[in-house]
């Protein structure tokens, strides 16, 4: 009998400051395009002031990632 598998679940949530939509940033494949971030990275220059766009209303805003 082999080992039982365990899977990681990674989520990255924010609320849009314009429309208040609950946004899972990782649902959008282009989130990682051009971003040299590591999963769970926080309190680094790369994880602060990250530009994102709300997929619901198109509002552009800045987030700081934390773990």
Protein backbone atom coordinates (compact mmCIF):
# COMPACT_ATOMS: atom_id res chain seq x y z
CA UNK A 1 0.00 0.00 0.00
CA UNK A 2 1.41 3.41 -1.04
CA UNK A 3 1.30 6.68 0.78
CA UNK A 4 -1.86 8.76 0.79
CA UNK A 5 -1.48 11.92 -1.30
CA UNK A 6 -1.92 15.38 0.21
CA UNK A 7 -2.42 18.45 -1.95
CA UNK A 8 -1.64 22.08 -1.33
CA UNK A 9 -4.37 24.66 -1.82
CA UNK A 10 -3.10 28.11 -2.72
CA UNK A 11 -5.40 31.14 -2.85
CA UNK A 12 -4.77 34.86 -3.15
CA UNK A 13 -7.80 37.00 -2.34
CA UNK A 14 -8.48 40.71 -2.36
CA UNK A 15 -11.50 42.98 -2.41
CA UNK A 16 -11.77 45.52 -5.20
CA UNK A 17 -11.80 49.00 -3.65
CA UNK A 18 -14.14 50.27 -6.38
CA UNK A 19 -16.87 47.62 -6.75
CA UNK A 20 -16.15 45.57 -3.58
CA UNK A 21 -15.92 42.36 -5.61
CA UNK A 22 -14.22 39.46 -3.83
CA UNK A 23 -11.36 38.64 -6.20
CA UNK A 24 -9.29 35.45 -6.25
CA UNK A 25 -6.27 36.76 -8.12
CA UNK A 26 -5.03 33.26 -8.92
CA UNK A 27 -8.15 32.48 -10.96
CA UNK A 28 -6.73 34.69 -13.68
CA UNK A 29 -3.85 33.00 -15.55
CA UNK A 30 -2.16 36.28 -16.45
CA UNK A 31 -1.58 37.16 -12.78
CA UNK A 32 1.81 35.38 -12.87
CA UNK A 33 2.86 36.76 -16.29
CA UNK A 34 6.01 38.80 -15.79
CA UNK A 35 5.88 38.51 -12.00
CA UNK A 36 8.96 36.98 -10.35
CA UNK A 37 6.98 36.07 -7.22
CA UNK A 38 7.24 32.85 -5.28
CA UNK A 39 4.16 31.20 -3.82
CA UNK A 40 3.73 32.51 -0.29
CA UNK A 41 6.21 35.34 -0.82
CA UNK A 42 5.53 38.28 1.45
CA UNK A 43 7.25 41.31 2.94
CA UNK A 44 9.62 41.65 -0.02
CA UNK A 45 9.99 44.44 -2.56
CA UNK A 46 8.41 42.14 -5.18
CA UNK A 47 5.35 41.39 -3.03
CA UNK A 48 4.59 45.03 -2.16
CA UNK A 49 2.82 47.52 -4.41
CA UNK A 50 1.67 44.81 -6.83
CA UNK A 51 -0.52 46.18 -9.61
CA UNK A 52 -3.75 44.23 -10.21
CA UNK A 53 -6.92 44.75 -12.22
CA UNK A 54 -10.38 43.78 -10.98
CA UNK A 55 -11.79 41.22 -13.41
CA UNK A 56 -15.35 42.38 -12.67
CA UNK A 57 -15.12 46.15 -13.18
CA UNK A 58 -11.64 46.67 -14.68
CA UNK A 59 -10.49 48.94 -11.84
CA UNK A 60 -6.70 49.03 -11.45
CA UNK A 61 -5.38 49.02 -7.88
CA UNK A 62 -2.30 48.11 -5.85
CA UNK A 63 -2.01 45.34 -3.26
CA UNK A 64 0.60 44.13 -0.77
CA UNK A 65 0.76 40.34 -0.65
CA UNK A 66 1.00 38.61 2.72
CA UNK A 67 1.02 35.02 3.89
